[in-house]
Amino acid sequence: MGKIIKINPATIKLSQDFLKKETFNFIKENYHTGNFDKLPPTPIVRNFPDGGYIAIDGHNLLAFFYSKSMACEVYLAENKDDGILGSSDMIKKRNADLEKKYDTVIDEYKSLEEKNIRTIKDLYDNAAPYLA
């Protein structure tokens, strides 16, 4: 069974090359107003074969925590069926993405690596101009 760990989001490898401005700003607004219960669920990661972690879902939340230079809690899944406990619609979506993407994120990372986009830090730094 997976577990919650707290890590530096800058070092997490990624499986997508975009952030959603609306989602990022929604996170930022709710974080700064103290509406933590409105934040998306914990991001889901898995072990990366060469060490470290790769994001399966939750890239916007990881990027937000990176932008604040803060450690972030993530759910470390052991397999595609190892979802977050809970029944909210957002958790159901996270778990559906886990099931769909668990086996493909390594290949996604390899295609992004060719574009020199490897970590949440790279993703945020590339997106920062349009997130402002």
N, C-alpha and C. Protein backbone atom coordinates (compact mmCIF):
# COMPACT_ATOMS: atom_id res chain seq x y z
N MET A 1 0.84 -1.19 0.00
CA MET A 1 0.00 0.00 0.00
C MET A 1 0.87 1.24 0.00
N GLY A 2 0.44 2.25 -0.75
CA GLY A 2 1.18 3.50 -0.85
C GLY A 2 1.23 4.24 0.46
N LYS A 3 2.02 5.30 0.46
CA LYS A 3 2.16 6.09 1.68
C LYS A 3 2.37 7.55 1.32
N ILE A 4 2.07 8.42 2.28
CA ILE A 4 2.29 9.85 2.13
C ILE A 4 3.72 10.15 2.58
N ILE A 5 4.46 10.86 1.72
CA ILE A 5 5.80 11.32 2.07
C ILE A 5 5.89 12.81 1.75
N LYS A 6 6.82 13.47 2.37
CA LYS A 6 7.02 14.90 2.12
C LYS A 6 8.38 15.07 1.45
N ILE A 7 8.38 15.72 0.28
CA ILE A 7 9.62 15.87 -0.47
C ILE A 7 9.69 17.23 -1.14
N ASN A 8 10.87 17.55 -1.64
CA ASN A 8 11.10 18.78 -2.39
C ASN A 8 10.51 18.59 -3.79
N PRO A 9 9.50 19.36 -4.17
CA PRO A 9 8.88 19.15 -5.48
C PRO A 9 9.80 19.48 -6.65
N ALA A 10 10.83 20.28 -6.44
CA ALA A 10 11.72 20.67 -7.54
C ALA A 10 12.37 19.47 -8.21
N THR A 11 12.58 18.40 -7.46
CA THR A 11 13.32 17.26 -7.98
C THR A 11 12.44 16.17 -8.58
N ILE A 12 11.13 16.32 -8.49
CA ILE A 12 10.23 15.29 -9.00
C ILE A 12 10.22 15.34 -10.53
N LYS A 13 10.43 14.20 -11.13
CA LYS A 13 10.37 14.10 -12.58
C LYS A 13 8.91 14.22 -13.01
N LEU A 14 8.68 14.61 -14.25
CA LEU A 14 7.30 14.87 -14.66
C LEU A 14 6.89 14.05 -15.86
N SER A 15 5.59 13.99 -16.05
CA SER A 15 5.03 13.20 -17.15
C SER A 15 4.12 14.04 -18.05
N GLN A 16 4.17 15.36 -17.88
CA GLN A 16 3.44 16.26 -18.78
C GLN A 16 4.24 17.54 -18.91
N ASP A 17 4.05 18.24 -20.01
CA ASP A 17 4.85 19.43 -20.27
C ASP A 17 4.05 20.73 -20.20
N PHE A 18 2.98 20.74 -19.44
CA PHE A 18 2.15 21.94 -19.33
C PHE A 18 1.58 22.07 -17.92
N LEU A 19 1.27 23.31 -17.58
CA LEU A 19 0.50 23.62 -16.39
C LEU A 19 -0.74 24.37 -16.85
N LYS A 20 -1.80 24.25 -16.08
CA LYS A 20 -3.04 24.94 -16.41
C LYS A 20 -3.11 26.23 -15.59
N LYS A 21 -3.10 27.37 -16.28
CA LYS A 21 -3.09 28.67 -15.59
C LYS A 21 -4.26 28.79 -14.62
N GLU A 22 -5.45 28.37 -15.04
CA GLU A 22 -6.63 28.48 -14.17
C GLU A 22 -6.46 27.62 -12.91
N THR A 23 -5.97 26.42 -13.08
CA THR A 23 -5.78 25.52 -11.94
C THR A 23 -4.69 26.06 -11.02
N PHE A 24 -3.59 26.50 -11.59
CA PHE A 24 -2.49 27.04 -10.79
C PHE A 24 -2.97 28.24 -9.98
N ASN A 25 -3.69 29.16 -10.62
CA ASN A 25 -4.17 30.35 -9.92
C ASN A 25 -5.24 30.01 -8.88
N PHE A 26 -6.06 29.00 -9.14
CA PHE A 26 -7.04 28.52 -8.16
C PHE A 26 -6.31 28.02 -6.91
N ILE A 27 -5.27 27.26 -7.11
CA ILE A 27 -4.48 26.75 -5.99
C ILE A 27 -3.86 27.91 -5.22
N LYS A 28 -3.24 28.84 -5.95
CA LYS A 28 -2.59 29.99 -5.32
C LYS A 28 -3.58 30.81 -4.49
N GLU A 29 -4.74 31.10 -5.06
CA GLU A 29 -5.74 31.91 -4.36
C GLU A 29 -6.23 31.20 -3.09
N ASN A 30 -6.56 29.92 -3.20
CA ASN A 30 -7.08 29.21 -2.04
C ASN A 30 -6.01 28.98 -0.98
N TYR A 31 -4.78 28.81 -1.39
CA TYR A 31 -3.70 28.65 -0.41
C TYR A 31 -3.51 29.95 0.36
N HIS A 32 -3.47 31.06 -0.36
CA HIS A 32 -3.21 32.35 0.29
C HIS A 32 -4.39 32.85 1.12
N THR A 33 -5.60 32.39 0.85
CA THR A 33 -6.75 32.79 1.66
C THR A 33 -7.04 31.78 2.76
N GLY A 34 -6.23 30.73 2.85
CA GLY A 34 -6.40 29.74 3.92
C GLY A 34 -7.48 28.71 3.65
N ASN A 35 -7.98 28.64 2.43
CA ASN A 35 -9.01 27.66 2.08
C ASN A 35 -8.35 26.35 1.64
N PHE A 36 -7.62 25.74 2.56
CA PHE A 36 -6.85 24.54 2.24
C PHE A 36 -7.73 23.36 1.85
N ASP A 37 -8.97 23.35 2.34
CA ASP A 37 -9.88 22.25 2.00
C ASP A 37 -10.32 22.30 0.53
N LYS A 38 -10.09 23.43 -0.14
CA LYS A 38 -10.44 23.54 -1.55
C LYS A 38 -9.28 23.14 -2.47
N LEU A 39 -8.10 22.94 -1.89
CA LEU A 39 -6.95 22.55 -2.71
C LEU A 39 -7.16 21.15 -3.29
N PRO A 40 -6.57 20.89 -4.43
CA PRO A 40 -6.67 19.54 -5.00
C PRO A 40 -6.06 18.50 -4.05
N PRO A 41 -6.43 17.24 -4.23
CA PRO A 41 -5.86 16.19 -3.38
C PRO A 41 -4.35 16.07 -3.56
N THR A 42 -3.74 15.38 -2.65
CA THR A 42 -2.31 15.11 -2.68
C THR A 42 -1.89 14.59 -4.05
N PRO A 43 -0.82 15.15 -4.63
CA PRO A 43 -0.31 14.62 -5.90
C PRO A 43 0.11 13.15 -5.74
N ILE A 44 0.03 12.42 -6.82
CA ILE A 44 0.44 11.01 -6.82
C ILE A 44 1.73 10.87 -7.61
N VAL A 45 2.70 10.17 -7.00
CA VAL A 45 3.97 9.88 -7.65
C VAL A 45 4.24 8.39 -7.56
N ARG A 46 5.23 7.96 -8.32
CA ARG A 46 5.72 6.58 -8.21
C ARG A 46 7.24 6.64 -8.23
N ASN A 47 7.86 5.55 -7.83
CA ASN A 47 9.31 5.46 -7.91
C ASN A 47 9.74 5.51 -9.36
N PHE A 48 10.86 6.17 -9.60
CA PHE A 48 11.46 6.20 -10.92
C PHE A 48 12.56 5.15 -10.96
N PRO A 49 12.67 4.38 -12.03
CA PRO A 49 13.63 3.27 -12.06
C PRO A 49 15.07 3.65 -11.71
N ASP A 50 15.51 4.85 -12.11
CA ASP A 50 16.89 5.26 -11.85
C ASP A 50 17.03 6.04 -10.55
N GLY A 51 15.99 6.05 -9.72
CA GLY A 51 16.01 6.79 -8.47
C GLY A 51 15.10 7.99 -8.52
N GLY A 52 14.66 8.42 -7.38
CA GLY A 52 13.77 9.56 -7.29
C GLY A 52 12.33 9.18 -7.57
N TYR A 53 11.53 10.19 -7.90
CA TYR A 53 10.10 10.00 -8.10
C TYR A 53 9.66 10.69 -9.38
N ILE A 54 8.58 10.18 -9.95
CA ILE A 54 7.96 10.79 -11.12
C ILE A 54 6.49 11.06 -10.82
N ALA A 55 6.02 12.24 -11.20
CA ALA A 55 4.63 12.63 -10.96
C ALA A 55 3.71 11.90 -11.93
N ILE A 56 2.65 11.36 -11.39
CA ILE A 56 1.60 10.76 -12.21
C ILE A 56 0.48 11.77 -12.39
N ASP A 57 0.12 12.44 -11.31
CA ASP A 57 -0.94 13.45 -11.36
C ASP A 57 -0.67 14.46 -10.24
N GLY A 58 -1.07 15.71 -10.48
CA GLY A 58 -0.89 16.75 -9.47
C GLY A 58 0.23 17.73 -9.81
N HIS A 59 0.56 17.84 -11.08
CA HIS A 59 1.66 18.70 -11.50
C HIS A 59 1.46 20.16 -11.08
N ASN A 60 0.23 20.67 -11.15
CA ASN A 60 -0.02 22.06 -10.79
C ASN A 60 0.23 22.31 -9.32
N LEU A 61 -0.20 21.41 -8.47
CA LEU A 61 0.03 21.57 -7.04
C LEU A 61 1.52 21.46 -6.72
N LEU A 62 2.20 20.54 -7.36
CA LEU A 62 3.65 20.41 -7.17
C LEU A 62 4.35 21.68 -7.61
N ALA A 63 3.95 22.24 -8.74
CA ALA A 63 4.57 23.47 -9.24
C ALA A 63 4.30 24.63 -8.29
N PHE A 64 3.10 24.69 -7.73
CA PHE A 64 2.81 25.76 -6.78
C PHE A 64 3.72 25.67 -5.56
N PHE A 65 3.85 24.48 -4.98
CA PHE A 65 4.72 24.32 -3.82
C PHE A 65 6.17 24.62 -4.18
N TYR A 66 6.59 24.24 -5.37
CA TYR A 66 7.94 24.60 -5.83
C TYR A 66 8.08 26.12 -5.86
N SER A 67 7.07 26.83 -6.38
CA SER A 67 7.14 28.29 -6.49
C SER A 67 7.25 28.96 -5.13
N LYS A 68 6.79 28.28 -4.09
CA LYS A 68 6.87 28.81 -2.72
C LYS A 68 8.10 28.29 -1.98
N SER A 69 8.94 27.50 -2.66
CA SER A 69 10.13 26.87 -2.05
C SER A 69 9.76 26.05 -0.82
N MET A 70 8.66 25.31 -0.94
CA MET A 70 8.16 24.51 0.17
C MET A 70 8.14 23.03 -0.19
N ALA A 71 8.41 22.19 0.80
CA ALA A 71 8.24 20.76 0.61
C ALA A 71 6.76 20.47 0.40
N CYS A 72 6.47 19.38 -0.24
CA CYS A 72 5.09 19.03 -0.58
C CYS A 72 4.82 17.58 -0.20
N GLU A 73 3.65 17.34 0.35
CA GLU A 73 3.23 15.96 0.58
C GLU A 73 2.79 15.36 -0.74
N VAL A 74 3.22 14.13 -0.98
CA VAL A 74 2.81 13.38 -2.16
C VAL A 74 2.41 11.97 -1.71
N TYR A 75 1.59 11.35 -2.53
CA TYR A 75 1.21 9.96 -2.29
C TYR A 75 2.07 9.10 -3.18
N LEU A 76 2.87 8.24 -2.58
CA LEU A 76 3.76 7.34 -3.30
C LEU A 76 3.02 6.03 -3.57
N ALA A 77 2.57 5.86 -4.80
CA ALA A 77 1.81 4.67 -5.19
C ALA A 77 2.76 3.54 -5.58
N GLU A 78 2.38 2.34 -5.22
CA GLU A 78 3.19 1.16 -5.53
C GLU A 78 2.77 0.48 -6.82
N ASN A 79 1.53 0.71 -7.25
CA ASN A 79 1.04 0.12 -8.50
C ASN A 79 -0.18 0.92 -8.96
N LYS A 80 -0.73 0.55 -10.10
CA LYS A 80 -1.83 1.34 -10.69
C LYS A 80 -3.13 1.25 -9.90
N ASP A 81 -3.25 0.27 -9.04
CA ASP A 81 -4.47 0.11 -8.25
C ASP A 81 -4.32 0.65 -6.83
N ASP A 82 -3.20 1.28 -6.53
CA ASP A 82 -2.86 1.73 -5.19
C ASP A 82 -3.25 3.19 -5.02
N GLY A 83 -4.53 3.48 -5.07
CA GLY A 83 -5.00 4.86 -5.03
C GLY A 83 -5.12 5.45 -3.65
N ILE A 84 -5.39 6.75 -3.65
CA ILE A 84 -5.62 7.51 -2.42
C ILE A 84 -6.97 7.11 -1.85
N LEU A 85 -7.05 6.99 -0.54
CA LEU A 85 -8.32 6.68 0.10
C LEU A 85 -9.21 7.92 0.10
N GLY A 86 -10.48 7.72 -0.15
CA GLY A 86 -11.44 8.82 -0.15
C GLY A 86 -12.42 8.65 -1.29
N SER A 87 -13.51 9.41 -1.22
CA SER A 87 -14.55 9.24 -2.23
C SER A 87 -14.96 10.54 -2.91
N SER A 88 -14.22 11.63 -2.65
CA SER A 88 -14.58 12.89 -3.33
C SER A 88 -14.32 12.75 -4.83
N ASP A 89 -14.97 13.60 -5.60
CA ASP A 89 -14.79 13.56 -7.05
C ASP A 89 -13.33 13.80 -7.44
N MET A 90 -12.65 14.72 -6.71
CA MET A 90 -11.26 15.01 -7.04
C MET A 90 -10.36 13.80 -6.75
N ILE A 91 -10.62 13.10 -5.67
CA ILE A 91 -9.84 11.90 -5.36
C ILE A 91 -10.13 10.80 -6.38
N LYS A 92 -11.39 10.66 -6.76
CA LYS A 92 -11.73 9.67 -7.79
C LYS A 92 -10.99 9.97 -9.09
N LYS A 93 -10.89 11.25 -9.46
CA LYS A 93 -10.17 11.62 -10.67
C LYS A 93 -8.69 11.31 -10.53
N ARG A 94 -8.09 11.66 -9.38
CA ARG A 94 -6.67 11.34 -9.16
C ARG A 94 -6.44 9.84 -9.32
N ASN A 95 -7.31 9.04 -8.70
CA ASN A 95 -7.14 7.58 -8.76
C ASN A 95 -7.35 7.04 -10.18
N ALA A 96 -8.27 7.64 -10.92
CA ALA A 96 -8.48 7.22 -12.32
C ALA A 96 -7.24 7.54 -13.15
N ASP A 97 -6.64 8.71 -12.90
CA ASP A 97 -5.41 9.06 -13.60
C ASP A 97 -4.27 8.12 -13.22
N LEU A 98 -4.21 7.74 -11.96
CA LEU A 98 -3.21 6.77 -11.51
C LEU A 98 -3.35 5.46 -12.28
N GLU A 99 -4.56 4.96 -12.36
CA GLU A 99 -4.80 3.68 -13.04
C GLU A 99 -4.43 3.79 -14.53
N LYS A 100 -4.79 4.91 -15.13
CA LYS A 100 -4.55 5.10 -16.56
C LYS A 100 -3.07 5.34 -16.88
N LYS A 101 -2.36 6.09 -16.03
CA LYS A 101 -1.02 6.57 -16.36
C LYS A 101 0.13 5.83 -15.70
N TYR A 102 -0.13 5.02 -14.69
CA TYR A 102 0.96 4.42 -13.92
C TYR A 102 2.02 3.77 -14.81
N ASP A 103 1.57 3.01 -15.80
CA ASP A 103 2.51 2.26 -16.64
C ASP A 103 3.08 3.07 -17.80
N THR A 104 2.59 4.29 -18.02
CA THR A 104 3.05 5.07 -19.18
C THR A 104 3.89 6.28 -18.83
N VAL A 105 3.94 6.66 -17.55
CA VAL A 105 4.64 7.91 -17.20
C VAL A 105 6.14 7.86 -17.48
N ILE A 106 6.75 6.70 -17.40
CA ILE A 106 8.19 6.60 -17.67
C ILE A 106 8.45 6.95 -19.14
N ASP A 107 7.64 6.42 -20.04
CA ASP A 107 7.79 6.76 -21.46
C ASP A 107 7.50 8.23 -21.73
N GLU A 108 6.51 8.77 -21.04
CA GLU A 108 6.20 10.20 -21.19
C GLU A 108 7.41 11.03 -20.76
N TYR A 109 8.01 10.66 -19.65
CA TYR A 109 9.19 11.38 -19.16
C TYR A 109 10.30 11.35 -20.21
N LYS A 110 10.54 10.19 -20.80
CA LYS A 110 11.62 10.06 -21.78
C LYS A 110 11.41 11.00 -22.97
N SER A 111 10.17 11.18 -23.41
CA SER A 111 9.92 12.10 -24.52
C SER A 111 10.11 13.55 -24.09
N LEU A 112 9.78 13.88 -22.84
CA LEU A 112 9.99 15.24 -22.34
C LEU A 112 11.47 15.51 -22.10
N GLU A 113 12.19 14.50 -21.68
CA GLU A 113 13.62 14.64 -21.42
C GLU A 113 14.34 15.10 -22.68
N GLU A 114 13.88 14.63 -23.84
CA GLU A 114 14.47 15.05 -25.10
C GLU A 114 14.29 16.54 -25.36
N LYS A 115 13.29 17.15 -24.71
CA LYS A 115 13.03 18.59 -24.83
C LYS A 115 13.67 19.37 -23.68
N ASN A 116 14.50 18.69 -22.88
CA ASN A 116 15.15 19.29 -21.70
C ASN A 116 14.16 19.75 -20.64
N ILE A 117 13.04 19.05 -20.55
CA ILE A 117 12.06 19.30 -19.49
C ILE A 117 12.04 18.02 -18.65
N ARG A 118 12.67 18.08 -17.49
CA ARG A 118 12.85 16.86 -16.71
C ARG A 118 12.15 16.88 -15.36
N THR A 119 12.10 18.03 -14.73
CA THR A 119 11.60 18.10 -13.35
C THR A 119 10.50 19.15 -13.22
N ILE A 120 9.85 19.15 -12.07
CA ILE A 120 8.84 20.17 -11.77
C ILE A 120 9.47 21.56 -11.85
N LYS A 121 10.72 21.69 -11.43
CA LYS A 121 11.42 22.97 -11.53
C LYS A 121 11.45 23.43 -12.98
N ASP A 122 11.84 22.55 -13.91
CA ASP A 122 11.88 22.90 -15.34
C ASP A 122 10.50 23.31 -15.83
N LEU A 123 9.49 22.54 -15.44
CA LEU A 123 8.13 22.81 -15.88
C LEU A 123 7.67 24.18 -15.40
N TYR A 124 7.87 24.47 -14.13
CA TYR A 124 7.45 25.75 -13.57
C TYR A 124 8.24 26.89 -14.21
N ASP A 125 9.55 26.75 -14.29
CA ASP A 125 10.38 27.82 -14.84
C ASP A 125 9.98 28.15 -16.28
N ASN A 126 9.59 27.14 -17.06
CA ASN A 126 9.14 27.37 -18.44
C ASN A 126 7.76 28.02 -18.47
N ALA A 127 6.92 27.70 -17.50
CA ALA A 127 5.53 28.19 -17.49
C ALA A 127 5.35 29.50 -16.75
N ALA A 128 6.30 29.88 -15.92
CA ALA A 128 6.13 31.06 -15.05
C ALA A 128 5.67 32.32 -15.79
N PRO A 129 6.19 32.63 -16.98
CA PRO A 129 5.72 33.86 -17.63
C PRO A 129 4.22 33.88 -17.91
N TYR A 130 3.63 32.76 -18.27
CA TYR A 130 2.20 32.79 -18.57
C TYR A 130 1.32 32.49 -17.35
N LEU A 131 1.93 32.13 -16.23
CA LEU A 131 1.16 31.90 -15.01
C LEU A 131 0.91 33.20 -14.25
N ALA A 132 1.74 34.20 -14.49
CA ALA A 132 1.65 35.47 -13.74
C ALA A 132 0.41 36.25 -14.11
